[in-house]
Amino acid sequence: MNAPFQIIGENRPSRWLVTCDHATNYVPHFVNGGDLGIDAADMARHIAYDVGAAGLARALADRLNAPAILSDFSRLVIDPNRGEDDPTLVMRLYDGTLIPANRTADLAEIERRLDALHRPYHRAYDRLAARRADTVILAIHSFTPCLKGRAPRPWQIGVLYSHLDTRLSRALITRLEAEPDLCVGDNEPYLGHLPGDAIDRHALQPGRHNTLIELRNDLIATEAEQRAWADRLAPILTAALADTAL
């Protein structure tokens, strides 16, 4: 089996580390023959991965001259942005869709997925984050414009953070709010701290500076849109980090 992650630019010199926890909708063959039992349309939407986030993460890493790590398995197989004891680690129902291959996943099956996918991803993430003493983690995610049965989300971009460390995220929000055409979510479309999640594990607990960007996925559906947003965000991120003097 191939590594359950991709590393780009490992030797790049920037203190930034770009991460993408939900980069693909790939289901490894060892998980129910590579089929979770849901249709292709569901596998193509946000429940299976963060649409557009991988391309944005790669483009931002290029512009920041930074390394990047991207997962290579669907969040529906096992979610690398959840702690091992999180009840949503393996979802059985997500935004109205039942996940048949997960409904019968017992503790042994979850342990198998942890060993094959989740733990190797986090070991590689640990290694990249530790390459410099002053690493800054930039986590890239995307969100759907509207959950089933819910109101449309008004934000183009959200910045998520923990109350335990607001420094870089608050500086970034200030910079983004100065952009006249942006509706910016401050810990929207959801709160940014979940104990045991990737930022908690790799940034908050070790004391690394960090921020998490959520872009609305209809805005980064194409490679051209991903590149355009990377062009826009890279100088804003650089300025926000300088603002903090961290």
Protein backbone atom coordinates (compact mmCIF):
# COMPACT_ATOMS: atom_id res chain seq x y z
CA MET A 1 0.00 0.00 0.00
CA ASN A 2 1.24 3.49 -0.81
CA ALA A 3 1.92 6.01 1.93
CA PRO A 4 -1.37 7.53 3.17
CA PHE A 5 -0.04 11.04 2.66
CA GLN A 6 1.87 13.19 0.19
CA ILE A 7 4.71 15.50 1.15
CA ILE A 8 5.60 18.40 -1.14
CA GLY A 9 8.77 20.45 -0.89
CA GLU A 10 10.11 18.82 2.25
CA ASN A 11 13.39 20.76 2.05
CA ARG A 12 11.88 24.16 1.42
CA PRO A 13 13.23 26.73 3.89
CA SER A 14 10.08 28.59 5.01
CA ARG A 15 8.96 28.42 8.62
CA TRP A 16 5.42 27.83 7.33
CA LEU A 17 4.13 24.26 7.18
CA VAL A 18 1.00 23.93 5.02
CA THR A 19 -1.30 21.03 5.87
CA CYS A 20 -4.40 19.57 4.24
CA ASP A 21 -6.08 16.95 6.42
CA HIS A 22 -8.93 16.22 3.98
CA ALA A 23 -7.15 16.33 0.64
CA THR A 24 -8.70 13.37 -1.22
CA ASN A 25 -11.73 11.10 -1.38
CA TYR A 26 -9.63 7.98 -1.94
CA VAL A 27 -10.77 4.76 -0.26
CA PRO A 28 -7.96 2.19 0.08
CA HIS A 29 -8.76 -1.28 -1.22
CA PHE A 30 -8.35 -2.86 2.21
CA VAL A 31 -11.44 -0.93 3.34
CA ASN A 32 -14.42 -2.87 1.95
CA GLY A 33 -12.71 -3.38 -1.39
CA GLY A 34 -12.22 0.36 -1.87
CA ASP A 35 -15.95 1.14 -1.68
CA LEU A 36 -17.75 2.65 1.29
CA GLY A 37 -21.13 1.74 -0.18
CA ILE A 38 -22.23 5.26 -1.11
CA ASP A 39 -22.72 6.58 -4.61
CA ALA A 40 -20.23 8.56 -6.67
CA ALA A 41 -22.13 11.81 -6.21
CA ASP A 42 -21.74 11.59 -2.45
CA MET A 43 -18.07 10.65 -2.75
CA ALA A 44 -17.57 13.80 -4.85
CA ARG A 45 -18.96 16.17 -2.24
CA HIS A 46 -17.73 17.64 1.03
CA ILE A 47 -18.64 14.67 3.19
CA ALA A 48 -15.81 12.64 1.61
CA TYR A 49 -13.10 15.33 1.41
CA ASP A 50 -12.50 19.08 1.35
CA VAL A 51 -13.26 19.97 -2.26
CA GLY A 52 -10.56 22.21 -3.75
CA ALA A 53 -8.44 22.29 -0.60
CA ALA A 54 -5.60 20.13 -1.92
CA GLY A 55 -4.96 22.36 -4.94
CA LEU A 56 -5.10 25.47 -2.77
CA ALA A 57 -2.69 23.93 -0.24
CA ARG A 58 -0.19 23.02 -2.96
CA ALA A 59 -0.40 26.47 -4.53
CA LEU A 60 0.03 28.22 -1.18
CA ALA A 61 2.99 26.03 -0.30
CA ASP A 62 4.61 27.04 -3.61
CA ARG A 63 4.05 30.73 -2.99
CA LEU A 64 5.25 30.58 0.63
CA ASN A 65 8.22 28.38 -0.37
CA ALA A 66 7.02 25.99 2.32
CA PRO A 67 6.64 22.25 2.73
CA ALA A 68 3.17 20.76 2.67
CA ILE A 69 1.62 17.52 3.85
CA LEU A 70 -1.65 16.25 2.39
CA SER A 71 -3.61 13.20 3.46
CA ASP A 72 -4.36 10.53 0.86
CA PHE A 73 -7.51 8.88 2.21
CA SER A 74 -11.10 9.99 2.57
CA ARG A 75 -12.24 11.52 5.82
CA LEU A 76 -15.08 8.96 5.68
CA VAL A 77 -12.57 6.11 6.01
CA ILE A 78 -11.06 7.70 9.11
CA ASP A 79 -10.75 11.38 9.89
CA PRO A 80 -7.17 12.59 10.44
CA ASN A 81 -8.51 15.81 11.95
CA ARG A 82 -9.95 13.92 14.91
CA GLY A 83 -8.30 12.45 17.95
CA GLU A 84 -8.21 8.68 18.25
CA ASP A 85 -10.84 8.72 20.99
CA ASP A 86 -13.21 11.11 19.19
CA PRO A 87 -16.66 9.58 18.55
CA THR A 88 -16.70 11.15 15.06
CA LEU A 89 -13.41 9.52 14.04
CA VAL A 90 -15.32 7.10 11.78
CA MET A 91 -18.61 8.61 10.68
CA ARG A 92 -21.65 6.42 10.14
CA LEU A 93 -23.96 9.26 9.07
CA TYR A 94 -22.81 12.53 7.55
CA ASP A 95 -24.98 15.38 6.23
CA GLY A 96 -27.88 13.04 5.54
CA THR A 97 -25.87 10.20 3.98
CA LEU A 98 -25.48 6.80 5.64
CA ILE A 99 -22.03 5.23 5.25
CA PRO A 100 -22.72 1.47 4.95
CA ALA A 101 -19.09 0.32 5.23
CA ASN A 102 -18.76 2.21 8.52
CA ARG A 103 -21.98 1.05 10.16
CA THR A 104 -20.44 -2.33 10.96
CA ALA A 105 -16.88 -1.09 11.63
CA ASP A 106 -15.95 -2.55 15.02
CA LEU A 107 -13.05 -1.59 17.29
CA ALA A 108 -10.71 -3.97 15.48
CA GLU A 109 -11.54 -2.43 12.10
CA ILE A 110 -11.07 1.09 13.45
CA GLU A 111 -7.71 0.05 14.92
CA ARG A 112 -6.71 -1.33 11.52
CA ARG A 113 -7.53 1.97 9.85
CA LEU A 114 -5.68 3.89 12.57
CA ASP A 115 -2.55 1.80 12.05
CA ALA A 116 -2.63 1.95 8.26
CA LEU A 117 -3.69 5.57 7.70
CA HIS A 118 -4.24 7.90 10.65
CA ARG A 119 -1.08 7.17 12.65
CA PRO A 120 1.37 7.24 9.70
CA TYR A 121 -0.08 10.58 8.60
CA HIS A 122 0.44 12.08 12.04
CA ARG A 123 3.95 10.66 12.39
CA ALA A 124 4.91 12.36 9.12
CA TYR A 125 3.16 15.57 10.24
CA ASP A 126 5.12 15.44 13.54
CA ARG A 127 8.40 15.08 11.69
CA LEU A 128 7.73 18.01 9.35
CA ALA A 129 6.52 20.27 12.14
CA ALA A 130 9.67 19.55 14.16
CA ARG A 131 12.07 20.46 11.36
CA ARG A 132 12.41 24.01 12.75
CA ALA A 133 11.93 25.47 16.20
CA ASP A 134 9.80 28.32 14.83
CA THR A 135 7.39 26.35 12.60
CA VAL A 136 4.07 28.05 11.84
CA ILE A 137 1.26 25.67 10.90
CA LEU A 138 -1.19 26.75 8.21
CA ALA A 139 -4.06 24.27 7.94
CA ILE A 140 -6.13 24.47 4.75
CA HIS A 141 -9.74 23.25 4.65
CA SER A 142 -12.87 24.01 2.65
CA PHE A 143 -16.56 24.10 3.50
CA THR A 144 -19.76 23.55 1.61
CA PRO A 145 -21.91 26.62 0.83
CA CYS A 146 -24.95 24.97 2.43
CA LEU A 147 -25.58 21.86 4.52
CA LYS A 148 -28.75 19.94 3.74
CA GLY A 149 -31.77 21.63 5.30
CA ARG A 150 -29.70 24.56 6.59
CA ALA A 151 -29.43 28.22 5.63
CA PRO A 152 -26.79 29.22 3.08
CA ARG A 153 -23.47 30.21 4.60
CA PRO A 154 -22.59 33.84 3.81
CA TRP A 155 -18.81 33.69 4.27
CA GLN A 156 -16.32 33.28 1.46
CA ILE A 157 -13.54 32.53 3.92
CA GLY A 158 -13.32 31.60 7.57
CA VAL A 159 -10.44 31.67 10.02
CA LEU A 160 -10.65 29.09 12.78
CA TYR A 161 -8.65 29.13 15.99
CA SER A 162 -8.59 28.10 19.62
CA HIS A 163 -9.06 30.46 22.53
CA LEU A 164 -5.74 29.03 23.73
CA ASP A 165 -3.85 30.85 20.95
CA THR A 166 -5.55 33.62 18.97
CA ARG A 167 -2.49 35.63 17.96
CA LEU A 168 -1.92 34.78 14.31
CA SER A 169 -5.57 34.11 13.54
CA ARG A 170 -6.73 37.45 14.92
CA ALA A 171 -4.05 39.26 12.91
CA LEU A 172 -5.13 37.34 9.81
CA ILE A 173 -8.81 38.17 10.37
CA THR A 174 -7.94 41.87 10.68
CA ARG A 175 -6.07 41.73 7.37
CA LEU A 176 -8.86 39.83 5.60
CA GLU A 177 -11.58 42.13 6.93
CA ALA A 178 -9.74 45.03 5.30
CA GLU A 179 -10.51 43.43 1.94
CA PRO A 180 -13.74 45.17 0.82
CA ASP A 181 -15.17 42.24 -1.13
CA LEU A 182 -14.82 39.54 1.53
CA CYS A 183 -17.27 38.28 4.12
CA VAL A 184 -14.95 36.78 6.72
CA GLY A 185 -15.97 34.17 9.26
CA ASP A 186 -14.45 34.60 12.73
CA ASN A 187 -14.47 30.99 13.95
CA GLU A 188 -17.12 30.34 11.32
CA PRO A 189 -18.66 28.22 9.85
CA TYR A 190 -17.78 26.32 13.04
CA LEU A 191 -15.62 26.72 16.10
CA GLY A 192 -11.94 26.13 15.64
CA HIS A 193 -10.96 24.14 18.71
CA LEU A 194 -11.63 20.46 19.12
CA PRO A 195 -9.47 18.71 21.73
CA GLY A 196 -7.30 16.11 20.02
CA ASP A 197 -7.69 17.50 16.52
CA ALA A 198 -4.68 18.10 14.26
CA ILE A 199 -4.07 21.70 15.34
CA ASP A 200 -4.46 20.78 19.00
CA ARG A 201 -2.01 17.92 18.63
CA HIS A 202 0.65 19.54 16.43
CA ALA A 203 0.36 23.24 17.30
CA LEU A 204 -1.38 23.98 20.57
CA GLN A 205 0.13 21.24 22.71
CA PRO A 206 3.73 21.82 21.50
CA GLY A 207 3.27 25.61 21.49
CA ARG A 208 3.58 26.26 17.75
CA HIS A 209 2.03 29.28 16.07
CA ASN A 210 -0.89 28.36 13.87
CA THR A 211 -4.00 29.27 11.97
CA LEU A 212 -6.65 27.39 10.03
CA ILE A 213 -8.27 28.72 6.87
CA GLU A 214 -11.62 27.49 5.57
CA LEU A 215 -12.55 28.54 2.03
CA ARG A 216 -16.01 28.03 0.57
CA ASN A 217 -15.55 25.19 -1.84
CA ASP A 218 -17.50 26.66 -4.76
CA LEU A 219 -14.84 29.38 -4.92
CA ILE A 220 -11.94 26.94 -5.36
CA ALA A 221 -13.50 24.31 -7.61
CA THR A 222 -10.97 24.79 -10.44
CA GLU A 223 -7.19 24.89 -10.57
CA ALA A 224 -7.34 28.49 -11.82
CA GLU A 225 -9.46 29.52 -8.82
CA GLN A 226 -7.13 27.72 -6.44
CA ARG A 227 -4.11 29.52 -7.90
CA ALA A 228 -5.89 32.87 -7.77
CA TRP A 229 -6.78 32.44 -4.10
CA ALA A 230 -3.22 31.35 -3.32
CA ASP A 231 -1.92 34.47 -5.08
CA ARG A 232 -4.25 36.57 -2.95
CA LEU A 233 -3.73 34.84 0.37
CA ALA A 234 0.04 34.36 0.41
CA PRO A 235 0.93 38.06 0.86
CA ILE A 236 -1.90 38.50 3.39
CA LEU A 237 -0.60 35.56 5.43
CA THR A 238 2.95 36.91 5.26
CA ALA A 239 1.80 40.34 6.41
CA ALA A 240 -0.34 38.91 9.23
CA LEU A 241 2.60 36.91 10.56
CA ALA A 242 4.77 40.05 10.44
CA ASP A 243 2.04 41.96 12.29
CA THR A 244 2.29 39.57 15.21
CA ALA A 245 6.09 39.82 15.45
CA LEU A 246 6.01 36.15 16.41
